[in-house]
Amino acid sequence: MTAATASPGDRVMEALRRLYGPLRHAEKLLGRRANSTPRAARNWLDDNCAMSVDKLVELMAADPKFHAAVNEVVSTRRAERSP
């Protein structure tokens, strides 16, 4: 799926997997940063479910790289919507 055809939610989850997927103990680190459980974090990384808005905001507050990735998705979406 390309960035042009992926939904904003898909792009956010791709960023999550890109930043955390390769890390050892990713689910523990991600769960801790998002104020969630390692099991929930594993489900996000495996694309079994999406994170809640509360967890998204927690993770954005805890991780500047993820925050920047989400802001990039928002900026891209804004540009797509502009006439």
PDB file of N, CA and C in Angstrom:
ATOM      1  N   MET A   1       0.848  -1.175   0.000  1.00  0.00           N
ATOM      2  CA  MET A   1       0.000   0.000   0.000  1.00  0.00           C
ATOM      3  C   MET A   1       0.891   1.235   0.000  1.00  0.00           C
ATOM      4  N   THR A   2       0.646   2.130  -0.903  1.00  0.00           N
ATOM      5  CA  THR A   2       1.445   3.351  -0.990  1.00  0.00           C
ATOM      6  C   THR A   2       0.862   4.418  -0.081  1.00  0.00           C
ATOM      7  N   ALA A   3       1.651   5.440   0.177  1.00  0.00           N
ATOM      8  CA  ALA A   3       1.181   6.536   1.025  1.00  0.00           C
ATOM      9  C   ALA A   3      -0.028   7.222   0.415  1.00  0.00           C
ATOM     10  N   ALA A   4      -0.091   7.247  -0.916  1.00  0.00           N
ATOM     11  CA  ALA A   4      -1.206   7.913  -1.591  1.00  0.00           C
ATOM     12  C   ALA A   4      -2.510   7.139  -1.421  1.00  0.00           C
ATOM     13  N   THR A   5      -2.439   5.820  -1.296  1.00  0.00           N
ATOM     14  CA  THR A   5      -3.659   5.023  -1.178  1.00  0.00           C
ATOM     15  C   THR A   5      -3.961   4.611   0.254  1.00  0.00           C
ATOM     16  N   ALA A   6      -3.008   4.737   1.151  1.00  0.00           N
ATOM     17  CA  ALA A   6      -3.215   4.346   2.541  1.00  0.00           C
ATOM     18  C   ALA A   6      -4.036   5.407   3.265  1.00  0.00           C
ATOM     19  N   SER A   7      -4.903   4.953   4.150  1.00  0.00           N
ATOM     20  CA  SER A   7      -5.676   5.896   4.957  1.00  0.00           C
ATOM     21  C   SER A   7      -4.747   6.531   5.992  1.00  0.00           C
ATOM     22  N   PRO A   8      -5.139   7.667   6.553  1.00  0.00           N
ATOM     23  CA  PRO A   8      -4.305   8.279   7.591  1.00  0.00           C
ATOM     24  C   PRO A   8      -4.061   7.327   8.769  1.00  0.00           C
ATOM     25  N   GLY A   9      -5.077   6.570   9.141  1.00  0.00           N
ATOM     26  CA  GLY A   9      -4.903   5.607  10.227  1.00  0.00           C
ATOM     27  C   GLY A   9      -3.879   4.543   9.893  1.00  0.00           C
ATOM     28  N   ASP A  10      -3.918   4.069   8.652  1.00  0.00           N
ATOM     29  CA  ASP A  10      -2.931   3.078   8.208  1.00  0.00           C
ATOM     30  C   ASP A  10      -1.523   3.657   8.242  1.00  0.00           C
ATOM     31  N   ARG A  11      -1.399   4.916   7.853  1.00  0.00           N
ATOM     32  CA  ARG A  11      -0.083   5.553   7.849  1.00  0.00           C
ATOM     33  C   ARG A  11       0.456   5.740   9.266  1.00  0.00           C
ATOM     34  N   VAL A  12      -0.430   6.049  10.212  1.00  0.00           N
ATOM     35  CA  VAL A  12      -0.006   6.169  11.613  1.00  0.00           C
ATOM     36  C   VAL A  12       0.465   4.809  12.127  1.00  0.00           C
ATOM     37  N   MET A  13      -0.281   3.755  11.810  1.00  0.00           N
ATOM     38  CA  MET A  13       0.106   2.422  12.272  1.00  0.00           C
ATOM     39  C   MET A  13       1.391   1.954  11.590  1.00  0.00           C
ATOM     40  N   GLU A  14       1.601   2.333  10.332  1.00  0.00           N
ATOM     41  CA  GLU A  14       2.862   2.015   9.650  1.00  0.00           C
ATOM     42  C   GLU A  14       4.030   2.696  10.362  1.00  0.00           C
ATOM     43  N   ALA A  15       3.832   3.941  10.775  1.00  0.00           N
ATOM     44  CA  ALA A  15       4.878   4.662  11.506  1.00  0.00           C
ATOM     45  C   ALA A  15       5.169   3.970  12.831  1.00  0.00           C
ATOM     46  N   LEU A  16       4.124   3.519  13.504  1.00  0.00           N
ATOM     47  CA  LEU A  16       4.285   2.804  14.768  1.00  0.00           C
ATOM     48  C   LEU A  16       5.127   1.546  14.561  1.00  0.00           C
ATOM     49  N   ARG A  17       4.796   0.775  13.536  1.00  0.00           N
ATOM     50  CA  ARG A  17       5.549  -0.457  13.257  1.00  0.00           C
ATOM     51  C   ARG A  17       6.980  -0.148  12.811  1.00  0.00           C
ATOM     52  N   ARG A  18       7.169   0.917  12.064  1.00  0.00           N
ATOM     53  CA  ARG A  18       8.508   1.293  11.609  1.00  0.00           C
ATOM     54  C   ARG A  18       9.397   1.694  12.794  1.00  0.00           C
ATOM     55  N   LEU A  19       8.833   2.433  13.747  1.00  0.00           N
ATOM     56  CA  LEU A  19       9.614   2.917  14.882  1.00  0.00           C
ATOM     57  C   LEU A  19       9.822   1.865  15.962  1.00  0.00           C
ATOM     58  N   TYR A  20       8.834   1.012  16.183  1.00  0.00           N
ATOM     59  CA  TYR A  20       8.904   0.063  17.294  1.00  0.00           C
ATOM     60  C   TYR A  20       9.089  -1.389  16.878  1.00  0.00           C
ATOM     61  N   GLY A  21       8.661  -1.752  15.685  1.00  0.00           N
ATOM     62  CA  GLY A  21       8.729  -3.144  15.249  1.00  0.00           C
ATOM     63  C   GLY A  21      10.099  -3.786  15.366  1.00  0.00           C
ATOM     64  N   PRO A  22      11.171  -3.095  14.940  1.00  0.00           N
ATOM     65  CA  PRO A  22      12.495  -3.727  14.977  1.00  0.00           C
ATOM     66  C   PRO A  22      13.126  -3.808  16.371  1.00  0.00           C
ATOM     67  N   LEU A  23      12.544  -3.138  17.346  1.00  0.00           N
ATOM     68  CA  LEU A  23      13.164  -3.072  18.670  1.00  0.00           C
ATOM     69  C   LEU A  23      12.965  -4.358  19.461  1.00  0.00           C
ATOM     70  N   ARG A  24      13.999  -4.720  20.192  1.00  0.00           N
ATOM     71  CA  ARG A  24      13.887  -5.846  21.105  1.00  0.00           C
ATOM     72  C   ARG A  24      12.979  -5.413  22.256  1.00  0.00           C
ATOM     73  N   HIS A  25      12.092  -6.270  22.670  1.00  0.00           N
ATOM     74  CA  HIS A  25      11.118  -5.970  23.729  1.00  0.00           C
ATOM     75  C   HIS A  25      10.227  -4.786  23.354  1.00  0.00           C
ATOM     76  N   ALA A  26       9.898  -4.689  22.083  1.00  0.00           N
ATOM     77  CA  ALA A  26       9.094  -3.570  21.576  1.00  0.00           C
ATOM     78  C   ALA A  26       7.766  -3.452  22.303  1.00  0.00           C
ATOM     79  N   GLU A  27       7.107  -4.592  22.541  1.00  0.00           N
ATOM     80  CA  GLU A  27       5.788  -4.503  23.164  1.00  0.00           C
ATOM     81  C   GLU A  27       5.858  -3.953  24.584  1.00  0.00           C
ATOM     82  N   LYS A  28       6.914  -4.282  25.325  1.00  0.00           N
ATOM     83  CA  LYS A  28       7.049  -3.749  26.685  1.00  0.00           C
ATOM     84  C   LYS A  28       7.300  -2.242  26.651  1.00  0.00           C
ATOM     85  N   LEU A  29       8.215  -1.830  25.799  1.00  0.00           N
ATOM     86  CA  LEU A  29       8.544  -0.410  25.678  1.00  0.00           C
ATOM     87  C   LEU A  29       7.346   0.393  25.183  1.00  0.00           C
ATOM     88  N   LEU A  30       6.708  -0.096  24.148  1.00  0.00           N
ATOM     89  CA  LEU A  30       5.552   0.589  23.577  1.00  0.00           C
ATOM     90  C   LEU A  30       4.405   0.647  24.580  1.00  0.00           C
ATOM     91  N   GLY A  31       4.132  -0.463  25.243  1.00  0.00           N
ATOM     92  CA  GLY A  31       3.076  -0.488  26.255  1.00  0.00           C
ATOM     93  C   GLY A  31       3.333   0.509  27.369  1.00  0.00           C
ATOM     94  N   ARG A  32       4.573   0.557  27.819  1.00  0.00           N
ATOM     95  CA  ARG A  32       4.937   1.487  28.890  1.00  0.00           C
ATOM     96  C   ARG A  32       4.754   2.937  28.440  1.00  0.00           C
ATOM     97  N   ARG A  33       5.226   3.248  27.233  1.00  0.00           N
ATOM     98  CA  ARG A  33       5.134   4.631  26.744  1.00  0.00           C
ATOM     99  C   ARG A  33       3.702   5.059  26.464  1.00  0.00           C
ATOM    100  N   ALA A  34       2.859   4.118  26.061  1.00  0.00           N
ATOM    101  CA  ALA A  34       1.464   4.445  25.754  1.00  0.00           C
ATOM    102  C   ALA A  34       0.555   4.254  26.962  1.00  0.00           C
ATOM    103  N   ASN A  35       1.147   3.931  28.108  1.00  0.00           N
ATOM    104  CA  ASN A  35       0.373   3.683  29.326  1.00  0.00           C
ATOM    105  C   ASN A  35      -0.639   2.560  29.091  1.00  0.00           C
ATOM    106  N   SER A  36      -0.132   1.460  28.549  1.00  0.00           N
ATOM    107  CA  SER A  36      -0.973   0.318  28.213  1.00  0.00           C
ATOM    108  C   SER A  36      -0.233  -0.963  28.575  1.00  0.00           C
ATOM    109  N   THR A  37      -0.737  -2.079  28.092  1.00  0.00           N
ATOM    110  CA  THR A  37      -0.132  -3.373  28.392  1.00  0.00           C
ATOM    111  C   THR A  37       0.730  -3.847  27.223  1.00  0.00           C
ATOM    112  N   PRO A  38       1.701  -4.706  27.504  1.00  0.00           N
ATOM    113  CA  PRO A  38       2.482  -5.290  26.409  1.00  0.00           C
ATOM    114  C   PRO A  38       1.607  -6.082  25.429  1.00  0.00           C
ATOM    115  N   ARG A  39       0.566  -6.725  25.929  1.00  0.00           N
ATOM    116  CA  ARG A  39      -0.320  -7.489  25.042  1.00  0.00           C
ATOM    117  C   ARG A  39      -1.032  -6.562  24.051  1.00  0.00           C
ATOM    118  N   ALA A  40      -1.530  -5.434  24.536  1.00  0.00           N
ATOM    119  CA  ALA A  40      -2.185  -4.468  23.642  1.00  0.00           C
ATOM    120  C   ALA A  40      -1.182  -3.943  22.619  1.00  0.00           C
ATOM    121  N   ALA A  41       0.025  -3.650  23.081  1.00  0.00           N
ATOM    122  CA  ALA A  41       1.063  -3.154  22.172  1.00  0.00           C
ATOM    123  C   ALA A  41       1.389  -4.192  21.099  1.00  0.00           C
ATOM    124  N   ARG A  42       1.447  -5.459  21.459  1.00  0.00           N
ATOM    125  CA  ARG A  42       1.704  -6.517  20.477  1.00  0.00           C
ATOM    126  C   ARG A  42       0.580  -6.550  19.449  1.00  0.00           C
ATOM    127  N   ASN A  43      -0.666  -6.381  19.901  1.00  0.00           N
ATOM    128  CA  ASN A  43      -1.798  -6.350  18.967  1.00  0.00           C
ATOM    129  C   ASN A  43      -1.687  -5.180  17.997  1.00  0.00           C
ATOM    130  N   TRP A  44      -1.223  -4.032  18.466  1.00  0.00           N
ATOM    131  CA  TRP A  44      -1.039  -2.881  17.576  1.00  0.00           C
ATOM    132  C   TRP A  44       0.043  -3.183  16.546  1.00  0.00           C
ATOM    133  N   LEU A  45       1.151  -3.729  17.015  1.00  0.00           N
ATOM    134  CA  LEU A  45       2.264  -4.026  16.111  1.00  0.00           C
ATOM    135  C   LEU A  45       1.903  -5.099  15.088  1.00  0.00           C
ATOM    136  N   ASP A  46       1.063  -6.049  15.500  1.00  0.00           N
ATOM    137  CA  ASP A  46       0.631  -7.124  14.593  1.00  0.00           C
ATOM    138  C   ASP A  46      -0.548  -6.711  13.732  1.00  0.00           C
ATOM    139  N   ASP A  47      -1.025  -5.478  13.908  1.00  0.00           N
ATOM    140  CA  ASP A  47      -2.158  -4.943  13.148  1.00  0.00           C
ATOM    141  C   ASP A  47      -3.446  -5.719  13.400  1.00  0.00           C
ATOM    142  N   ASN A  48      -3.583  -6.235  14.632  1.00  0.00           N
ATOM    143  CA  ASN A  48      -4.823  -6.913  15.014  1.00  0.00           C
ATOM    144  C   ASN A  48      -5.889  -5.916  15.437  1.00  0.00           C
ATOM    145  N   CYS A  49      -5.459  -4.766  15.916  1.00  0.00           N
ATOM    146  CA  CYS A  49      -6.394  -3.702  16.295  1.00  0.00           C
ATOM    147  C   CYS A  49      -5.626  -2.384  16.341  1.00  0.00           C
ATOM    148  N   ALA A  50      -6.367  -1.314  16.332  1.00  0.00           N
ATOM    149  CA  ALA A  50      -5.757   0.018  16.406  1.00  0.00           C
ATOM    150  C   ALA A  50      -5.785   0.506  17.849  1.00  0.00           C
ATOM    151  N   MET A  51      -4.885   1.394  18.164  1.00  0.00           N
ATOM    152  CA  MET A  51      -4.866   1.943  19.518  1.00  0.00           C
ATOM    153  C   MET A  51      -5.977   2.979  19.681  1.00  0.00           C
ATOM    154  N   SER A  52      -6.400   3.165  20.915  1.00  0.00           N
ATOM    155  CA  SER A  52      -7.414   4.172  21.205  1.00  0.00           C
ATOM    156  C   SER A  52      -6.785   5.560  21.104  1.00  0.00           C
ATOM    157  N   VAL A  53      -7.623   6.552  21.031  1.00  0.00           N
ATOM    158  CA  VAL A  53      -7.136   7.932  20.963  1.00  0.00           C
ATOM    159  C   VAL A  53      -6.355   8.272  22.228  1.00  0.00           C
ATOM    160  N   ASP A  54      -6.820   7.802  23.377  1.00  0.00           N
ATOM    161  CA  ASP A  54      -6.106   8.064  24.630  1.00  0.00           C
ATOM    162  C   ASP A  54      -4.675   7.536  24.569  1.00  0.00           C
ATOM    163  N   LYS A  55      -4.519   6.322  24.070  1.00  0.00           N
ATOM    164  CA  LYS A  55      -3.188   5.710  23.977  1.00  0.00           C
ATOM    165  C   LYS A  55      -2.340   6.410  22.919  1.00  0.00           C
ATOM    166  N   LEU A  56      -2.970   6.833  21.836  1.00  0.00           N
ATOM    167  CA  LEU A  56      -2.268   7.574  20.789  1.00  0.00           C
ATOM    168  C   LEU A  56      -1.684   8.864  21.357  1.00  0.00           C
ATOM    169  N   VAL A  57      -2.486   9.600  22.113  1.00  0.00           N
ATOM    170  CA  VAL A  57      -2.029  10.860  22.708  1.00  0.00           C
ATOM    171  C   VAL A  57      -0.920  10.601  23.725  1.00  0.00           C
ATOM    172  N   GLU A  58      -1.076   9.559  24.545  1.00  0.00           N
ATOM    173  CA  GLU A  58      -0.033   9.203  25.517  1.00  0.00           C
ATOM    174  C   GLU A  58       1.289   8.920  24.814  1.00  0.00           C
ATOM    175  N   LEU A  59       1.225   8.138  23.744  1.00  0.00           N
ATOM    176  CA  LEU A  59       2.444   7.783  23.018  1.00  0.00           C
ATOM    177  C   LEU A  59       3.052   9.004  22.337  1.00  0.00           C
ATOM    178  N   MET A  60       2.221   9.863  21.775  1.00  0.00           N
ATOM    179  CA  MET A  60       2.734  11.086  21.153  1.00  0.00           C
ATOM    180  C   MET A  60       3.429  11.970  22.191  1.00  0.00           C
ATOM    181  N   ALA A  61       2.885  12.020  23.404  1.00  0.00           N
ATOM    182  CA  ALA A  61       3.489  12.823  24.466  1.00  0.00           C
ATOM    183  C   ALA A  61       4.812  12.222  24.942  1.00  0.00           C
ATOM    184  N   ALA A  62       4.927  10.898  24.876  1.00  0.00           N
ATOM    185  CA  ALA A  62       6.119  10.216  25.382  1.00  0.00           C
ATOM    186  C   ALA A  62       7.228  10.061  24.351  1.00  0.00           C
ATOM    187  N   ASP A  63       6.889  10.106  23.066  1.00  0.00           N
ATOM    188  CA  ASP A  63       7.874   9.805  22.022  1.00  0.00           C
ATOM    189  C   ASP A  63       7.879  10.887  20.942  1.00  0.00           C
ATOM    190  N   PRO A  64       8.882  11.763  20.949  1.00  0.00           N
ATOM    191  CA  PRO A  64       8.946  12.837  19.952  1.00  0.00           C
ATOM    192  C   PRO A  64       9.006  12.339  18.506  1.00  0.00           C
ATOM    193  N   LYS A  65       9.640  11.199  18.259  1.00  0.00           N
ATOM    194  CA  LYS A  65       9.710  10.672  16.889  1.00  0.00           C
ATOM    195  C   LYS A  65       8.333  10.235  16.406  1.00  0.00           C
ATOM    196  N   PHE A  66       7.577   9.597  17.276  1.00  0.00           N
ATOM    197  CA  PHE A  66       6.224   9.186  16.899  1.00  0.00           C
ATOM    198  C   PHE A  66       5.345  10.420  16.722  1.00  0.00           C
ATOM    199  N   HIS A  67       5.507  11.398  17.600  1.00  0.00           N
ATOM    200  CA  HIS A  67       4.761  12.651  17.490  1.00  0.00           C
ATOM    201  C   HIS A  67       5.020  13.300  16.133  1.00  0.00           C
ATOM    202  N   ALA A  68       6.281  13.346  15.726  1.00  0.00           N
ATOM    203  CA  ALA A  68       6.638  13.936  14.429  1.00  0.00           C
ATOM    204  C   ALA A  68       6.029  13.138  13.277  1.00  0.00           C
ATOM    205  N   ALA A  69       6.013  11.813  13.399  1.00  0.00           N
ATOM    206  CA  ALA A  69       5.440  10.970  12.340  1.00  0.00           C
ATOM    207  C   ALA A  69       3.941  11.217  12.198  1.00  0.00           C
ATOM    208  N   VAL A  70       3.242  11.355  13.318  1.00  0.00           N
ATOM    209  CA  VAL A  70       1.802  11.622  13.272  1.00  0.00           C
ATOM    210  C   VAL A  70       1.555  13.014  12.700  1.00  0.00           C
ATOM    211  N   ASN A  71       2.362  13.984  13.100  1.00  0.00           N
ATOM    212  CA  ASN A  71       2.214  15.334  12.546  1.00  0.00           C
ATOM    213  C   ASN A  71       2.448  15.348  11.042  1.00  0.00           C
ATOM    214  N   GLU A  72       3.353  14.520  10.556  1.00  0.00           N
ATOM    215  CA  GLU A  72       3.593  14.421   9.119  1.00  0.00           C
ATOM    216  C   GLU A  72       2.360  13.869   8.401  1.00  0.00           C
ATOM    217  N   VAL A  73       1.713  12.879   9.008  1.00  0.00           N
ATOM    218  CA  VAL A  73       0.480  12.325   8.432  1.00  0.00           C
ATOM    219  C   VAL A  73      -0.596  13.408   8.379  1.00  0.00           C
ATOM    220  N   VAL A  74      -0.713  14.180   9.445  1.00  0.00           N
ATOM    221  CA  VAL A  74      -1.707  15.258   9.490  1.00  0.00           C
ATOM    222  C   VAL A  74      -1.397  16.314   8.431  1.00  0.00           C
ATOM    223  N   SER A  75      -0.140  16.692   8.301  1.00  0.00           N
ATOM    224  CA  SER A  75       0.248  17.687   7.291  1.00  0.00           C
ATOM    225  C   SER A  75      -0.044  17.193   5.883  1.00  0.00           C
ATOM    226  N   THR A  76       0.240  15.928   5.631  1.00  0.00           N
ATOM    227  CA  THR A  76      -0.045  15.342   4.319  1.00  0.00           C
ATOM    228  C   THR A  76      -1.541  15.360   4.046  1.00  0.00           C
ATOM    229  N   ARG A  77      -2.318  15.011   5.036  1.00  0.00           N
ATOM    230  CA  ARG A  77      -3.777  14.996   4.869  1.00  0.00           C
ATOM    231  C   ARG A  77      -4.303  16.399   4.617  1.00  0.00           C
ATOM    232  N   ARG A  78      -3.758  17.385   5.334  1.00  0.00           N
ATOM    233  CA  ARG A  78      -4.157  18.777   5.112  1.00  0.00           C
ATOM    234  C   ARG A  78      -3.877  19.198   3.680  1.00  0.00           C
ATOM    235  N   ALA A  79      -2.713  18.830   3.185  1.00  0.00           N
ATOM    236  CA  ALA A  79      -2.336  19.181   1.810  1.00  0.00           C
ATOM    237  C   ALA A  79      -3.259  18.499   0.802  1.00  0.00           C
ATOM    238  N   GLU A  80      -3.662  17.267   1.075  1.00  0.00           N
ATOM    239  CA  GLU A  80      -4.578  16.547   0.184  1.00  0.00           C
ATOM    240  C   GLU A  80      -5.955  17.202   0.144  1.00  0.00           C
ATOM    241  N   ARG A  81      -6.361  17.778   1.257  1.00  0.00           N
ATOM    242  CA  ARG A  81      -7.693  18.384   1.350  1.00  0.00           C
ATOM    243  C   ARG A  81      -7.747  19.786   0.768  1.00  0.00           C
ATOM    244  N   SER A  82      -6.606  20.435   0.642  1.00  0.00           N
ATOM    245  CA  SER A  82      -6.577  21.812   0.140  1.00  0.00           C
ATOM    246  C   SER A  82      -6.996  21.858  -1.318  1.00  0.00           C
ATOM    247  N   PRO A  83      -7.831  22.862  -1.646  1.00  0.00           N
ATOM    248  CA  PRO A  83      -8.275  22.978  -3.046  1.00  0.00           C
ATOM    249  C   PRO A  83      -7.190  23.472  -3.972  1.00  0.00           C
TER     250      PRO A  83
END
